[in-house]
Amino acid sequence: MNGSLAKGNGDTRSRILDAAEALFVEQGFDGTSMRGITGRAGANLAAINYHFGSKEQLIQEVFRRRLTELNRIRLARLHELEVEAGEAPIKPSRIVDAFFGTALRMAADVEGGGHTFMRLLGRTYTDPQGFVRKFLAEEYAECVERFLAALYRALPDVDRNEILWRFHFMMGAMSYAIAGTDALQLVTGKFDDEDPSRLVSRLMSFLLGGLRAPLADFGSSP
């Protein structure tokens, strides 16, 4: 009986997280009500209070349940690359794929929920609330530090500040792309190809092109 109860609680918790994740993508954090979440999840307000305590904690758990796994996979892949490379630096393209490619492959997972989560994450990067920004910074700290260290070692002739800027640009490009095609549809009037599985190869080519682009010349103008 206790086992069944635990399973039921787990199912309710997952339904609430799934419902909140989808509604946050559709309506934003402020536009999503607790009642709307419980209605979609087939639960009640008491269940949210029991499992999460508050809307802010619910938002954090929506991110934590997939972001923790995403960063775990990224770091595991980076470790594999470090072992393969031995004393040599890892090729920059492989570092970029381990970090950004892993996220893009999650974004292509429509059936498992990865696509919805990555759309939410992408939109949050561009317009985060204060507490979400702080939470994401903490969640990303170790992972980003490890990957930047790998890039510094792989590109010893490139100023570290330049690498930071390019990493920032790559994060922005990925976030904008996975957030959805709404903006592109607005500009072009029509955009038919929304197959998320095609995003990986398209965006990875773009990111690697940006990483390899000639360094900017900041010499003084005549």
Protein backbone atom coordinates (compact mmCIF):
# COMPACT_ATOMS: atom_id res chain seq x y z
CA MET A 1 0.00 0.00 0.00
CA ASN A 2 2.79 2.38 0.87
CA GLY A 3 4.47 1.51 -2.43
CA SER A 4 1.31 2.35 -4.35
CA LEU A 5 0.95 5.61 -2.49
CA ALA A 6 4.55 6.56 -3.25
CA LYS A 7 4.04 5.75 -6.91
CA GLY A 8 0.86 7.84 -6.99
CA ASN A 9 2.65 10.75 -5.38
CA GLY A 10 5.47 10.44 -7.89
CA ASP A 11 3.01 10.42 -10.79
CA THR A 12 1.25 13.52 -9.45
CA ARG A 13 4.55 15.33 -9.03
CA SER A 14 5.58 14.49 -12.59
CA ARG A 15 2.22 15.58 -13.99
CA ILE A 16 2.50 18.91 -12.20
CA LEU A 17 6.04 19.45 -13.52
CA ASP A 18 4.99 18.51 -17.07
CA ALA A 19 1.98 20.82 -16.93
CA ALA A 20 3.96 23.71 -15.47
CA GLU A 21 6.73 23.29 -18.04
CA ALA A 22 4.30 23.40 -20.96
CA LEU A 23 2.32 26.34 -19.58
CA PHE A 24 5.45 28.36 -18.79
CA VAL A 25 6.43 28.00 -22.45
CA GLU A 26 2.96 29.01 -23.66
CA GLN A 27 2.14 31.77 -21.17
CA GLY A 28 5.33 32.76 -19.37
CA PHE A 29 5.95 32.59 -15.63
CA ASP A 30 3.78 35.55 -14.68
CA GLY A 31 0.97 34.58 -17.04
CA THR A 32 0.70 31.04 -15.69
CA SER A 33 -1.55 30.58 -12.69
CA MET A 34 -1.33 27.80 -10.13
CA ARG A 35 -4.94 26.97 -10.93
CA GLY A 36 -4.05 26.59 -14.60
CA ILE A 37 -1.22 24.22 -13.72
CA THR A 38 -3.39 22.05 -11.47
CA GLY A 39 -6.15 22.00 -14.06
CA ARG A 40 -3.84 20.69 -16.76
CA ALA A 41 -2.16 18.25 -14.37
CA GLY A 42 -5.42 16.87 -13.02
CA ALA A 43 -4.29 17.74 -9.49
CA ASN A 44 -5.25 20.26 -6.81
CA LEU A 45 -3.57 23.22 -5.16
CA ALA A 46 -2.83 21.15 -2.07
CA ALA A 47 -0.70 18.83 -4.23
CA ILE A 48 1.47 21.73 -5.41
CA ASN A 49 1.90 22.94 -1.85
CA TYR A 50 2.75 19.41 -0.72
CA HIS A 51 5.33 18.69 -3.44
CA PHE A 52 6.82 22.16 -4.01
CA GLY A 53 5.67 24.64 -1.38
CA SER A 54 5.44 27.68 -3.67
CA LYS A 55 5.34 28.74 -7.30
CA GLU A 56 8.97 29.90 -7.13
CA GLN A 57 10.10 26.49 -5.89
CA LEU A 58 7.98 24.81 -8.56
CA ILE A 59 9.72 26.89 -11.25
CA GLN A 60 13.11 25.87 -9.88
CA GLU A 61 12.16 22.18 -9.90
CA VAL A 62 10.92 22.44 -13.49
CA PHE A 63 14.43 23.54 -14.46
CA ARG A 64 16.34 21.30 -12.07
CA ARG A 65 14.84 17.97 -13.13
CA ARG A 66 16.18 18.27 -16.69
CA LEU A 67 19.02 20.78 -16.37
CA THR A 68 20.86 18.63 -13.82
CA GLU A 69 20.80 15.71 -16.24
CA LEU A 70 21.75 17.91 -19.21
CA ASN A 71 24.83 19.22 -17.42
CA ARG A 72 25.70 15.75 -16.16
CA ILE A 73 25.74 14.46 -19.74
CA ARG A 74 27.79 17.45 -20.88
CA LEU A 75 30.42 16.93 -18.19
CA ALA A 76 30.53 13.18 -18.80
CA ARG A 77 31.14 13.79 -22.49
CA LEU A 78 33.84 16.36 -21.73
CA HIS A 79 35.53 13.85 -19.43
CA GLU A 80 35.50 11.25 -22.22
CA LEU A 81 37.10 13.74 -24.59
CA GLU A 82 39.77 14.61 -22.01
CA VAL A 83 40.62 10.94 -21.53
CA GLU A 84 40.81 10.38 -25.30
CA ALA A 85 43.01 13.44 -25.81
CA GLY A 86 45.44 12.55 -23.03
CA GLU A 87 47.98 15.33 -22.69
CA ALA A 88 46.85 17.07 -25.88
CA PRO A 89 44.15 19.74 -25.95
CA ILE A 90 40.71 18.75 -27.21
CA LYS A 91 39.66 19.99 -30.63
CA PRO A 92 37.47 23.09 -30.20
CA SER A 93 34.76 21.64 -32.44
CA ARG A 94 34.40 18.63 -30.12
CA ILE A 95 34.15 20.88 -27.06
CA VAL A 96 31.43 22.91 -28.75
CA ASP A 97 29.54 19.76 -29.68
CA ALA A 98 29.78 18.39 -26.13
CA PHE A 99 28.22 21.54 -24.69
CA PHE A 100 25.91 22.93 -27.36
CA GLY A 101 25.30 19.77 -29.38
CA THR A 102 24.13 17.94 -26.26
CA ALA A 103 21.56 20.68 -25.61
CA LEU A 104 20.42 20.70 -29.24
CA ARG A 105 19.95 16.95 -29.23
CA MET A 106 17.78 17.32 -26.13
CA ALA A 107 15.81 20.02 -27.98
CA ALA A 108 15.12 17.51 -30.77
CA ASP A 109 13.51 15.09 -28.28
CA VAL A 110 9.84 15.80 -28.87
CA GLU A 111 8.49 12.59 -27.33
CA GLY A 112 10.53 12.70 -24.09
CA GLY A 113 9.80 16.33 -23.24
CA GLY A 114 13.25 17.66 -24.05
CA HIS A 115 11.91 19.88 -26.83
CA THR A 116 9.45 21.65 -24.53
CA PHE A 117 12.04 22.12 -21.80
CA MET A 118 14.68 23.52 -24.14
CA ARG A 119 12.15 25.99 -25.57
CA LEU A 120 11.47 27.14 -22.02
CA LEU A 121 15.19 27.35 -21.25
CA GLY A 122 15.86 29.29 -24.44
CA ARG A 123 13.18 31.85 -23.68
CA THR A 124 14.37 32.15 -20.10
CA TYR A 125 17.90 33.02 -21.23
CA THR A 126 16.59 36.00 -23.17
CA ASP A 127 14.16 37.30 -20.54
CA PRO A 128 14.85 35.75 -17.12
CA GLN A 129 13.31 36.80 -13.86
CA GLY A 130 15.75 37.79 -11.14
CA PHE A 131 15.51 34.65 -9.04
CA VAL A 132 15.58 32.43 -12.16
CA ARG A 133 18.75 34.17 -13.39
CA LYS A 134 20.43 33.53 -10.02
CA PHE A 135 19.25 29.93 -9.93
CA LEU A 136 20.47 29.19 -13.46
CA ALA A 137 23.85 30.81 -12.75
CA GLU A 138 24.31 28.48 -9.79
CA GLU A 139 23.20 25.42 -11.75
CA TYR A 140 25.55 26.24 -14.63
CA ALA A 141 28.60 27.36 -12.63
CA GLU A 142 30.62 24.12 -12.56
CA CYS A 143 29.69 23.05 -16.08
CA VAL A 144 30.50 26.38 -17.74
CA GLU A 145 33.76 26.70 -15.81
CA ARG A 146 34.93 23.29 -17.00
CA PHE A 147 34.05 23.96 -20.62
CA LEU A 148 35.64 27.40 -20.67
CA ALA A 149 38.83 25.90 -19.23
CA ALA A 150 38.82 23.35 -22.06
CA LEU A 151 38.36 26.10 -24.66
CA TYR A 152 41.16 28.19 -23.14
CA ARG A 153 43.48 25.20 -23.42
CA ALA A 154 42.32 24.36 -26.95
CA LEU A 155 42.79 27.96 -28.15
CA PRO A 156 45.93 29.21 -26.37
CA ASP A 157 46.56 31.96 -28.94
CA VAL A 158 43.12 33.50 -28.49
CA ASP A 159 42.58 36.06 -25.74
CA ARG A 160 40.42 34.60 -22.97
CA ASN A 161 38.12 37.58 -23.06
CA GLU A 162 37.48 36.90 -26.75
CA ILE A 163 36.62 33.28 -25.94
CA LEU A 164 34.20 34.48 -23.28
CA TRP A 165 32.49 36.77 -25.80
CA ARG A 166 32.21 34.02 -28.38
CA PHE A 167 30.82 31.60 -25.81
CA HIS A 168 28.30 34.31 -24.89
CA PHE A 169 27.33 34.74 -28.56
CA MET A 170 26.98 30.99 -29.02
CA MET A 171 24.73 30.76 -25.95
CA GLY A 172 22.62 33.57 -27.36
CA ALA A 173 22.32 31.96 -30.80
CA MET A 174 21.35 28.61 -29.30
CA SER A 175 18.83 30.19 -26.94
CA TYR A 176 17.19 32.19 -29.71
CA ALA A 177 17.02 29.19 -32.01
CA ILE A 178 15.56 26.68 -29.57
CA ALA A 179 13.06 29.16 -28.14
CA GLY A 180 11.04 28.66 -31.34
CA THR A 181 10.54 30.16 -34.76
CA ASP A 182 7.98 32.79 -33.71
CA ALA A 183 10.37 35.70 -34.29
CA LEU A 184 11.45 34.40 -37.70
CA GLN A 185 7.83 33.92 -38.71
CA LEU A 186 7.14 37.50 -37.65
CA VAL A 187 9.95 38.85 -39.85
CA THR A 188 9.48 36.62 -42.92
CA GLY A 189 5.72 36.17 -42.75
CA LYS A 190 6.04 32.43 -43.22
CA PHE A 191 8.34 29.70 -41.99
CA ASP A 192 7.37 26.12 -42.75
CA ASP A 193 10.39 24.05 -41.65
CA GLU A 194 10.03 23.62 -37.88
CA ASP A 195 11.42 20.06 -37.63
CA PRO A 196 13.48 20.25 -34.39
CA SER A 197 15.68 17.33 -35.52
CA ARG A 198 17.15 19.56 -38.25
CA LEU A 199 18.18 22.23 -35.79
CA VAL A 200 21.28 20.33 -34.62
CA SER A 201 23.18 20.30 -37.90
CA ARG A 202 22.01 23.79 -38.90
CA LEU A 203 22.97 25.52 -35.68
CA MET A 204 26.16 23.55 -35.04
CA SER A 205 27.50 24.69 -38.42
CA PHE A 206 26.67 28.27 -37.49
CA LEU A 207 28.25 28.03 -34.03
CA LEU A 208 31.47 26.48 -35.30
CA GLY A 209 31.68 29.14 -38.00
CA GLY A 210 31.42 31.82 -35.34
CA LEU A 211 34.07 30.19 -33.17
CA ARG A 212 36.50 29.96 -36.09
CA ALA A 213 35.84 33.45 -37.46
CA PRO A 214 38.84 35.84 -37.73
CA LEU A 215 39.49 37.83 -34.59
CA ALA A 216 38.17 41.38 -34.54
CA ASP A 217 40.65 44.17 -35.14
CA PHE A 218 40.30 46.74 -32.35
CA GLY A 219 43.02 49.01 -33.70
CA SER A 220 42.35 52.73 -33.52
CA SER A 221 40.66 54.31 -36.52
CA PRO A 222 42.75 56.73 -38.63
